[in-house]
C-alpha atoms as a PDB file:
ATOM      1  CA  MET A   1      -2.995  -2.370   3.153  1.00  0.00           C
ATOM      2  CA  ASN A   2      -4.756  -4.438   5.851  1.00  0.00           C
ATOM      3  CA  LYS A   3      -8.518  -4.415   6.617  1.00  0.00           C
ATOM      4  CA  TYR A   4      -8.105  -1.737   9.352  1.00  0.00           C
ATOM      5  CA  ASP A   5      -6.502   0.683   7.048  1.00  0.00           C
ATOM      6  CA  GLU A   6      -9.248  -0.053   4.490  1.00  0.00           C
ATOM      7  CA  LYS A   7     -11.987   0.603   7.110  1.00  0.00           C
ATOM      8  CA  ILE A   8     -10.298   3.926   8.260  1.00  0.00           C
ATOM      9  CA  ASN A   9     -10.007   5.067   4.622  1.00  0.00           C
ATOM     10  CA  GLN A  10     -13.702   4.308   4.254  1.00  0.00           C
ATOM     11  CA  TYR A  11     -14.483   6.617   7.268  1.00  0.00           C
ATOM     12  CA  ALA A  12     -12.041   9.452   6.562  1.00  0.00           C
ATOM     13  CA  GLN A  13     -13.038  12.301   4.290  1.00  0.00           C
ATOM     14  CA  GLU A  14     -11.006  13.084   1.069  1.00  0.00           C
ATOM     15  CA  ASN A  15      -8.736  15.878   2.629  1.00  0.00           C
ATOM     16  CA  ASP A  16      -8.482  14.250   6.111  1.00  0.00           C
ATOM     17  CA  LYS A  17      -4.969  13.370   7.254  1.00  0.00           C
ATOM     18  CA  VAL A  18      -4.862   9.808   8.887  1.00  0.00           C
ATOM     19  CA  TYR A  19      -2.107   8.432  11.313  1.00  0.00           C
ATOM     20  CA  GLU A  20      -2.139   5.040  13.006  1.00  0.00           C
ATOM     21  CA  LEU A  21      -1.317   5.495  16.701  1.00  0.00           C
ATOM     22  CA  LEU A  22       0.256   3.600  19.465  1.00  0.00           C
ATOM     23  CA  GLN A  23      -1.432   3.659  22.744  1.00  0.00           C
ATOM     24  CA  SER A  24       0.387   3.595  26.160  1.00  0.00           C
ATOM     25  CA  GLU A  25      -0.585   4.422  29.707  1.00  0.00           C
ATOM     26  CA  VAL A  26       0.534   7.768  31.171  1.00  0.00           C
ATOM     27  CA  ARG A  27       3.287   7.020  33.675  1.00  0.00           C
ATOM     28  CA  SER A  28       4.405   8.830  36.859  1.00  0.00           C
ATOM     29  CA  ASN A  29       7.642  10.974  36.744  1.00  0.00           C
ATOM     30  CA  GLY A  30       9.860   8.034  37.652  1.00  0.00           C
ATOM     31  CA  GLY A  31       8.138   6.159  34.771  1.00  0.00           C
ATOM     32  CA  LYS A  32       8.579   9.046  32.417  1.00  0.00           C
ATOM     33  CA  VAL A  33      12.381   9.010  32.938  1.00  0.00           C
ATOM     34  CA  LEU A  34      12.529   5.228  32.381  1.00  0.00           C
ATOM     35  CA  ASN A  35      10.211   5.636  29.468  1.00  0.00           C
ATOM     36  CA  PHE A  36      12.610   8.212  27.926  1.00  0.00           C
ATOM     37  CA  LEU A  37      15.514   5.965  28.271  1.00  0.00           C
ATOM     38  CA  LEU A  38      13.796   2.794  26.925  1.00  0.00           C
ATOM     39  CA  GLU A  39      11.399   4.509  24.450  1.00  0.00           C
ATOM     40  CA  GLY A  40      12.129   2.147  21.566  1.00  0.00           C
ATOM     41  CA  ILE A  41      11.318  -0.870  23.700  1.00  0.00           C
ATOM     42  CA  PHE A  42       7.961   0.544  24.975  1.00  0.00           C
ATOM     43  CA  SER A  43       6.967   1.523  21.459  1.00  0.00           C
ATOM     44  CA  PHE A  44       7.638  -2.128  20.310  1.00  0.00           C
ATOM     45  CA  GLY A  45       5.785  -3.639  23.300  1.00  0.00           C
ATOM     46  CA  SER A  46       2.661  -1.288  22.465  1.00  0.00           C
ATOM     47  CA  ALA A  47       2.833  -2.404  18.934  1.00  0.00           C
ATOM     48  CA  VAL A  48       2.866  -6.118  19.758  1.00  0.00           C
ATOM     49  CA  LYS A  49       0.071  -5.551  22.374  1.00  0.00           C
ATOM     50  CA  GLN A  50      -2.140  -3.871  19.831  1.00  0.00           C
ATOM     51  CA  LEU A  51      -1.421  -6.756  17.319  1.00  0.00           C
ATOM     52  CA  GLU A  52      -2.573  -9.217  20.130  1.00  0.00           C
ATOM     53  CA  THR A  53      -5.676  -7.507  21.098  1.00  0.00           C
ATOM     54  CA  ARG A  54      -6.240  -6.189  17.520  1.00  0.00           C
ATOM     55  CA  GLU A  55      -7.767  -2.827  18.720  1.00  0.00           C
ATOM     56  CA  THR A  56      -6.295  -0.212  16.389  1.00  0.00           C
ATOM     57  CA  PHE A  57      -6.202   3.417  16.981  1.00  0.00           C
ATOM     58  CA  TYR A  58      -6.143   6.190  14.351  1.00  0.00           C
ATOM     59  CA  LEU A  59      -5.922  10.006  14.439  1.00  0.00           C
ATOM     60  CA  VAL A  60      -8.242  11.485  11.792  1.00  0.00           C
ATOM     61  CA  MET A  61      -7.722  15.269  11.443  1.00  0.00           C
ATOM     62  CA  ASN A  62      -8.489  18.162   9.135  1.00  0.00           C
ATOM     63  CA  LYS A  63      -8.442  21.975   9.468  1.00  0.00           C
ATOM     64  CA  GLU A  64     -11.418  22.091  11.805  1.00  0.00           C
ATOM     65  CA  LYS A  65     -11.159  19.043  14.075  1.00  0.00           C
ATOM     66  CA  ALA A  66      -9.329  15.939  15.175  1.00  0.00           C
ATOM     67  CA  GLU A  67     -10.804  12.628  16.093  1.00  0.00           C
ATOM     68  CA  LEU A  68      -9.410   9.453  17.757  1.00  0.00           C
ATOM     69  CA  VAL A  69     -10.904   6.518  15.983  1.00  0.00           C
ATOM     70  CA  THR A  70     -10.681   3.125  17.463  1.00  0.00           C
ATOM     71  CA  ILE A  71     -11.404   0.011  15.267  1.00  0.00           C
ATOM     72  CA  GLN A  72     -12.150  -3.246  17.319  1.00  0.00           C
ATOM     73  CA  LYS A  73     -11.247  -6.740  16.068  1.00  0.00           C
ATOM     74  CA  THR A  74     -14.696  -6.993  14.706  1.00  0.00           C
ATOM     75  CA  LEU A  75     -14.252  -3.973  12.620  1.00  0.00           C
ATOM     76  CA  GLU A  76     -16.644  -1.869  14.932  1.00  0.00           C
ATOM     77  CA  LEU A  77     -15.530   1.791  14.675  1.00  0.00           C
ATOM     78  CA  SER A  78     -15.938   4.281  17.444  1.00  0.00           C
ATOM     79  CA  HIS A  79     -14.603   7.886  17.704  1.00  0.00           C
ATOM     80  CA  GLN A  80     -13.996  10.590  20.115  1.00  0.00           C
ATOM     81  CA  ASP A  81     -13.200  14.337  19.582  1.00  0.00           C
ATOM     82  CA  VAL A  82      -9.586  15.022  20.500  1.00  0.00           C
ATOM     83  CA  THR A  83      -9.191  18.494  19.013  1.00  0.00           C
ATOM     84  CA  GLY A  84      -8.241  20.040  22.312  1.00  0.00           C
ATOM     85  CA  PRO A  85      -5.491  17.654  23.196  1.00  0.00           C
ATOM     86  CA  VAL A  86      -4.039  17.599  19.740  1.00  0.00           C
ATOM     87  CA  GLN A  87      -3.999  21.404  19.554  1.00  0.00           C
ATOM     88  CA  ILE A  88      -2.252  21.488  22.999  1.00  0.00           C
ATOM     89  CA  ALA A  89       0.538  19.044  21.502  1.00  0.00           C
ATOM     90  CA  SER A  90       0.771  20.947  18.354  1.00  0.00           C
ATOM     91  CA  GLY A  91       4.091  20.152  16.548  1.00  0.00           C
ATOM     92  CA  LYS A  92       4.696  16.976  18.542  1.00  0.00           C
ATOM     93  CA  LYS A  93       4.173  13.416  17.521  1.00  0.00           C
ATOM     94  CA  SER A  94       2.114  12.464  20.551  1.00  0.00           C
ATOM     95  CA  PHE A  95      -0.663  13.666  22.753  1.00  0.00           C
ATOM     96  CA  HIS A  96      -2.503  12.797  25.939  1.00  0.00           C
ATOM     97  CA  PHE A  97      -6.010  11.825  26.109  1.00  0.00           C
ATOM     98  CA  ASP A  98      -8.178  10.057  28.871  1.00  0.00           C
ATOM     99  CA  GLY A  99      -5.015   8.721  30.888  1.00  0.00           C
ATOM    100  CA  HIS A 100      -3.243   7.488  27.747  1.00  0.00           C
ATOM    101  CA  LYS A 101      -0.510   8.634  25.552  1.00  0.00           C
ATOM    102  CA  TYR A 102      -1.098   8.346  21.923  1.00  0.00           C
ATOM    103  CA  LYS A 103       2.167   8.319  19.693  1.00  0.00           C
ATOM    104  CA  MET A 104       1.873   8.770  15.789  1.00  0.00           C
ATOM    105  CA  PHE A 105       3.260   5.521  14.403  1.00  0.00           C
ATOM    106  CA  ARG A 106       2.748   5.762  10.753  1.00  0.00           C
ATOM    107  CA  LYS A 107       0.886   8.009   8.140  1.00  0.00           C
ATOM    108  CA  ILE A 108      -2.007   6.270   6.355  1.00  0.00           C
ATOM    109  CA  LYS A 109      -2.949   9.282   4.135  1.00  0.00           C
END
């Protein structure tokens, strides 16, 4: 477990589900077709970019709400309510928020 995972586990409540997310920009229709064809490469590129900038994104959710939690390189934590976008994308492994697509990368707890 890395220091970012430890930080998110300190923030999350006992019954919360926590997922690490990959962030990418929302693309136009032409970009969506290309994204579909090359999804694996884009996911890898997003993961590498997040490692370089060390800005890590997590989805922390329970029965009542969902939060997008961002942890900076300095371990500063910020969070935003994303309950609506997550409910709209129910059953999917990704959701759109604030011009970005967030894809569930791995389950933390």
